[in-house]
Amino acid sequence: MVTIQQVRAILDSEEPDYALAAKLGPDALPHIEMLVKGVDPMLASKAAYLAGLIQDNRSTAVLKVAAQSKYPEVRIAAAAGARHLSTQAASDVLTILLEDRDLGIRKIALKSVPIDAPPALRKKIESLTTKDPENFIRSLSADIFSRLRKNP
């Protein structure tokens, strides 16, 4: 049984050992979710990233919570953590983050898109190529969409 103290002991360090933390496994996810919902954005962001490293269906739900956090650093961690999920799970999280109001979060989300992105995520990225308010995101999404088209 994993305790919140075990999770915090790893995440409270300046540079957490994420490989060690991931070994806590799925039993740590309820504690991780609680930290993601907490008021400490630094700890919440570390917890969000860790959720992506734990290979479990519940990780997606935790990252979806993180993707809607009021703290931008938690949303960034959700985008980065999504890289470690299965393609469909990553898509579920990234679809939320590609609509974020913060340019930096949309950028990280785009860079986290899996090469075998499902059709709905591809369509979202294609839409960003013309509809995103930021030229940089339109350009980046066009590059990523082009890469995706080469991998049907």
Protein backbone atom coordinates (compact mmCIF):
# COMPACT_ATOMS: atom_id res chain seq x y z
CA MET A 1 0.00 0.00 0.00
CA VAL A 2 1.35 3.39 -1.04
CA THR A 3 0.96 6.35 1.31
CA ILE A 4 0.77 10.05 0.57
CA GLN A 5 3.95 10.44 2.63
CA GLN A 6 5.82 8.15 0.23
CA VAL A 7 4.64 10.12 -2.78
CA ARG A 8 5.46 13.46 -1.17
CA ALA A 9 8.87 12.25 0.00
CA ILE A 10 9.88 11.77 -3.62
CA LEU A 11 8.11 14.79 -5.13
CA ASP A 12 9.14 17.27 -2.44
CA SER A 13 12.78 17.14 -3.56
CA GLU A 14 14.14 19.82 -5.88
CA GLU A 15 14.73 17.25 -8.64
CA PRO A 16 12.45 14.25 -8.08
CA ASP A 17 13.58 10.80 -9.12
CA TYR A 18 10.66 10.15 -11.44
CA ALA A 19 11.82 6.63 -12.29
CA LEU A 20 11.70 5.74 -8.60
CA ALA A 21 8.38 7.55 -8.16
CA ALA A 22 6.82 5.68 -11.10
CA LYS A 23 7.68 2.42 -9.34
CA LEU A 24 5.10 3.35 -6.70
CA GLY A 25 2.63 2.26 -9.38
CA PRO A 26 -1.11 2.73 -9.75
CA ASP A 27 -1.70 2.65 -5.99
CA ALA A 28 -0.09 6.10 -5.86
CA LEU A 29 -2.60 7.65 -8.30
CA PRO A 30 -5.24 8.68 -5.73
CA HIS A 31 -2.53 10.55 -3.80
CA ILE A 32 -1.14 12.03 -7.02
CA GLU A 33 -4.59 13.27 -8.00
CA MET A 34 -4.99 14.88 -4.59
CA LEU A 35 -1.66 16.69 -5.04
CA VAL A 36 -2.64 17.79 -8.57
CA LYS A 37 -5.78 19.37 -7.11
CA GLY A 38 -3.82 21.01 -4.29
CA VAL A 39 -2.83 24.63 -3.77
CA ASP A 40 0.93 24.16 -4.25
CA PRO A 41 1.49 24.60 -8.00
CA MET A 42 5.08 23.30 -7.92
CA LEU A 43 4.10 20.09 -6.15
CA ALA A 44 0.98 19.76 -8.30
CA SER A 45 3.04 20.07 -11.49
CA LYS A 46 5.47 17.37 -10.34
CA ALA A 47 2.53 15.13 -9.45
CA ALA A 48 0.91 15.73 -12.85
CA TYR A 49 4.06 14.75 -14.70
CA LEU A 50 4.39 11.65 -12.53
CA ALA A 51 0.84 10.59 -13.40
CA GLY A 52 1.90 10.30 -17.03
CA LEU A 53 4.73 7.96 -16.10
CA ILE A 54 2.49 5.47 -14.32
CA GLN A 55 1.10 3.09 -16.91
CA ASP A 56 -2.51 2.82 -15.83
CA ASN A 57 -5.87 3.86 -17.28
CA ARG A 58 -6.46 6.11 -14.26
CA SER A 59 -3.41 8.18 -15.20
CA THR A 60 -5.43 9.74 -18.01
CA ALA A 61 -8.11 10.94 -15.61
CA VAL A 62 -5.48 12.53 -13.37
CA LEU A 63 -3.87 14.30 -16.34
CA LYS A 64 -7.28 15.54 -17.49
CA VAL A 65 -7.71 17.13 -14.06
CA ALA A 66 -4.23 18.65 -14.38
CA ALA A 67 -5.06 19.90 -17.88
CA GLN A 68 -7.81 22.04 -16.37
CA SER A 69 -5.81 23.39 -13.44
CA LYS A 70 -5.83 27.12 -12.75
CA TYR A 71 -2.04 26.95 -12.55
CA PRO A 72 -0.23 27.14 -15.90
CA GLU A 73 2.73 25.11 -14.62
CA VAL A 74 0.37 22.22 -13.84
CA ARG A 75 -1.15 22.40 -17.32
CA ILE A 76 2.36 22.40 -18.83
CA ALA A 77 3.22 19.31 -16.77
CA ALA A 78 0.03 17.65 -18.03
CA ALA A 79 1.10 18.33 -21.63
CA ALA A 80 4.58 16.94 -20.98
CA GLY A 81 3.22 13.97 -19.05
CA ALA A 82 0.84 13.10 -21.88
CA ARG A 83 3.87 12.06 -23.96
CA HIS A 84 4.12 8.94 -21.85
CA LEU A 85 0.51 7.81 -22.28
CA SER A 86 -0.93 5.53 -24.92
CA THR A 87 -1.91 7.28 -28.13
CA GLN A 88 -5.63 7.52 -27.34
CA ALA A 89 -5.04 8.58 -23.74
CA ALA A 90 -2.57 11.25 -24.85
CA SER A 91 -5.11 12.45 -27.39
CA ASP A 92 -7.78 12.80 -24.69
CA VAL A 93 -5.50 15.03 -22.61
CA LEU A 94 -3.94 16.98 -25.47
CA THR A 95 -7.31 17.84 -27.02
CA ILE A 96 -8.08 19.82 -23.85
CA LEU A 97 -4.66 21.50 -23.77
CA LEU A 98 -4.65 22.51 -27.44
CA GLU A 99 -7.51 24.87 -26.56
CA ASP A 100 -5.65 26.45 -23.63
CA ARG A 101 -5.51 30.25 -23.57
CA ASP A 102 -1.77 30.14 -22.84
CA LEU A 103 0.49 30.06 -25.90
CA GLY A 104 3.22 28.13 -24.07
CA ILE A 105 0.84 25.38 -23.05
CA ARG A 106 -0.50 25.00 -26.59
CA LYS A 107 3.13 24.81 -27.79
CA ILE A 108 4.05 22.00 -25.34
CA ALA A 109 0.80 20.19 -26.15
CA LEU A 110 1.60 20.30 -29.86
CA LYS A 111 5.09 18.99 -29.24
CA SER A 112 3.59 16.11 -27.25
CA VAL A 113 1.33 14.89 -30.05
CA PRO A 114 2.07 11.23 -30.86
CA ILE A 115 3.07 10.42 -34.43
CA ASP A 116 0.12 8.02 -34.68
CA ALA A 117 -2.41 10.59 -33.47
CA PRO A 118 -6.04 9.51 -33.96
CA PRO A 119 -8.24 11.30 -36.51
CA ALA A 120 -9.97 13.61 -34.01
CA LEU A 121 -6.65 14.95 -32.74
CA ARG A 122 -5.33 15.33 -36.29
CA LYS A 123 -8.42 17.33 -37.18
CA LYS A 124 -7.86 19.58 -34.14
CA ILE A 125 -4.27 20.20 -35.19
CA GLU A 126 -5.32 20.92 -38.76
CA SER A 127 -7.80 23.48 -37.44
CA LEU A 128 -5.04 25.21 -35.46
CA THR A 129 -3.06 25.73 -38.67
CA THR A 130 -5.52 28.44 -39.68
CA LYS A 131 -7.58 29.34 -36.61
CA ASP A 132 -5.12 29.79 -33.76
CA PRO A 133 -4.71 33.49 -32.89
CA GLU A 134 -0.92 33.14 -32.63
CA ASN A 135 1.18 32.95 -35.80
CA PHE A 136 3.77 30.79 -34.02
CA ILE A 137 1.15 28.17 -33.10
CA ARG A 138 -0.33 28.22 -36.61
CA SER A 139 3.15 27.57 -38.01
CA LEU A 140 4.04 24.87 -35.48
CA SER A 141 0.71 23.10 -35.94
CA ALA A 142 1.23 23.17 -39.74
CA ASP A 143 4.63 21.51 -39.29
CA ILE A 144 3.19 18.88 -36.97
CA PHE A 145 0.17 18.28 -39.19
CA SER A 146 2.50 17.78 -42.14
CA ARG A 147 4.51 15.24 -40.14
CA LEU A 148 1.31 13.43 -39.17
CA ARG A 149 0.16 13.24 -42.79
CA LYS A 150 3.38 11.39 -43.64
CA ASN A 151 2.38 8.75 -41.08
CA PRO A 152 -1.23 7.84 -41.89
